[in-house]
Protein backbone atom coordinates (compact mmCIF):
# COMPACT_ATOMS: atom_id res chain seq x y z
CA UNK A 1 0.00 0.00 0.00
CA UNK A 2 1.51 3.32 -1.02
CA UNK A 3 1.19 6.36 1.19
CA UNK A 4 0.18 9.58 -0.53
CA UNK A 5 1.57 12.78 0.98
CA UNK A 6 0.10 16.23 0.69
CA UNK A 7 2.68 18.59 -0.83
CA UNK A 8 2.25 22.08 0.59
CA UNK A 9 5.72 23.50 -0.16
CA UNK A 10 4.47 25.67 -3.01
CA UNK A 11 2.31 27.64 -0.56
CA UNK A 12 5.34 28.89 1.38
CA UNK A 13 6.29 31.63 -1.12
CA UNK A 14 3.93 34.18 0.44
CA UNK A 15 5.26 33.47 3.93
CA UNK A 16 8.86 33.78 2.76
CA UNK A 17 8.09 37.10 1.06
CA UNK A 18 6.74 38.72 4.25
CA UNK A 19 8.70 41.30 6.21
CA UNK A 20 8.08 39.39 9.46
CA UNK A 21 9.74 36.30 8.00
CA UNK A 22 12.73 38.37 6.85
CA UNK A 23 13.04 39.80 10.39
CA UNK A 24 12.96 36.29 11.88
CA UNK A 25 15.67 35.13 9.47
CA UNK A 26 17.85 38.10 10.41
CA UNK A 27 17.39 37.34 14.12
CA UNK A 28 18.30 33.69 13.50
CA UNK A 29 21.47 34.69 11.65
CA UNK A 30 22.42 36.99 14.52
CA UNK A 31 21.39 34.89 17.54
CA UNK A 32 21.64 31.42 15.96
CA UNK A 33 18.48 30.34 17.83
CA UNK A 34 14.79 31.18 18.11
CA UNK A 35 11.78 29.80 19.89
CA UNK A 36 8.54 29.05 18.08
CA UNK A 37 6.58 28.73 21.31
CA UNK A 38 4.50 31.87 20.63
CA UNK A 39 3.60 30.84 17.08
CA UNK A 40 0.11 29.33 16.69
CA UNK A 41 0.36 25.54 16.67
CA UNK A 42 -1.09 25.13 13.18
CA UNK A 43 1.53 27.49 11.71
CA UNK A 44 4.62 25.88 13.26
CA UNK A 45 5.08 23.22 10.56
CA UNK A 46 4.89 25.77 7.76
CA UNK A 47 7.25 28.18 9.49
CA UNK A 48 9.70 25.40 10.34
CA UNK A 49 9.73 24.14 6.75
CA UNK A 50 10.23 27.67 5.41
CA UNK A 51 13.17 28.23 7.77
CA UNK A 52 14.66 24.84 6.87
CA UNK A 53 14.86 25.76 3.18
CA UNK A 54 17.98 27.87 3.81
CA UNK A 55 19.42 26.48 7.05
CA UNK A 56 19.49 23.33 9.13
CA UNK A 57 16.62 23.19 11.61
CA UNK A 58 16.62 21.21 14.87
CA UNK A 59 13.24 20.75 16.48
CA UNK A 60 13.08 19.39 20.02
CA UNK A 61 9.81 17.74 21.05
CA UNK A 62 8.70 16.78 24.54
CA UNK A 63 7.91 13.13 23.67
CA UNK A 64 8.02 10.67 20.76
CA UNK A 65 4.36 11.17 19.81
CA UNK A 66 4.79 14.93 19.45
CA UNK A 67 8.04 14.37 17.55
CA UNK A 68 6.24 12.12 15.05
CA UNK A 69 3.44 14.68 14.53
CA UNK A 70 5.97 17.48 14.00
CA UNK A 71 7.96 15.35 11.54
CA UNK A 72 4.81 14.58 9.53
CA UNK A 73 3.87 18.27 9.45
CA UNK A 74 7.36 19.27 8.33
CA UNK A 75 7.32 16.57 5.64
CA UNK A 76 4.00 17.90 4.32
CA UNK A 77 5.37 21.45 4.08
CA UNK A 78 8.86 20.55 2.89
CA UNK A 79 9.89 20.65 -0.77
CA UNK A 80 12.15 17.66 0.01
CA UNK A 81 10.43 15.48 2.66
CA UNK A 82 13.32 12.99 2.63
CA UNK A 83 15.48 15.63 4.40
CA UNK A 84 13.32 15.38 7.54
CA UNK A 85 15.09 13.04 9.98
CA UNK A 86 13.47 11.80 13.17
CA UNK A 87 16.08 10.82 15.75
CA UNK A 88 15.42 8.11 18.30
CA UNK A 89 14.45 9.35 21.76
CA UNK A 90 16.91 9.07 24.60
CA UNK A 91 16.16 6.21 26.97
CA UNK A 92 17.25 7.84 30.22
CA UNK A 93 15.03 8.54 33.19
CA UNK A 94 14.08 12.13 34.04
CA UNK A 95 16.80 13.86 36.03
CA UNK A 96 19.10 10.85 35.62
CA UNK A 97 22.75 11.87 35.67
CA UNK A 98 24.47 9.45 33.34
CA UNK A 99 28.09 9.15 32.41
CA UNK A 100 29.49 11.37 29.70
CA UNK A 101 29.43 9.20 26.60
CA UNK A 102 29.78 9.89 22.90
CA UNK A 103 26.37 10.96 21.66
CA UNK A 104 25.42 8.96 18.58
CA UNK A 105 22.55 11.34 17.76
CA UNK A 106 24.94 14.27 17.41
CA UNK A 107 26.98 12.31 14.90
CA UNK A 108 23.88 11.53 12.86
CA UNK A 109 22.75 15.18 12.88
CA UNK A 110 26.15 16.44 11.74
CA UNK A 111 26.17 13.70 9.10
CA UNK A 112 23.12 15.18 7.38
CA UNK A 113 23.91 17.03 4.15
CA UNK A 114 23.57 20.82 4.34
CA UNK A 115 20.56 22.44 2.65
CA UNK A 116 21.05 22.66 -1.10
CA UNK A 117 24.09 20.39 -0.88
C-alpha cells in the first residue's frame, strides 16, 4: 500500500516574502536560535519548513508522539520530505545523571547534508 503525501511547499512563497519572516531570518542569523513557542500551533510546521529551506533546523519535542506529529507536518510542508530526519528518543530517566558518553545522535545530525548540498 503506497502512502500519498500532501505537498504544501508551493504555498510557502507568500510566507517567505513577508517582512516578518525576513526579520525572523535576520534574528536567527544573529542569535543562531529562536523559539517558536508563541507561534500558533497550526503554523509551526509551515514556518519550520520555510526556515529549513535555507538552514538546518533542529526541532526538540517533549515526547516521541509529538516528535512524530511534527515530523509529519514538516514533511507535508517541505519541498524535500526525505530531508526530515526523526532521531530516536533518549532512553534515560528524568533527572538521571548518566556518564558522559559519545552521543550517537549528534553524529547523525552532523552527518546530514547541508541544505542545497
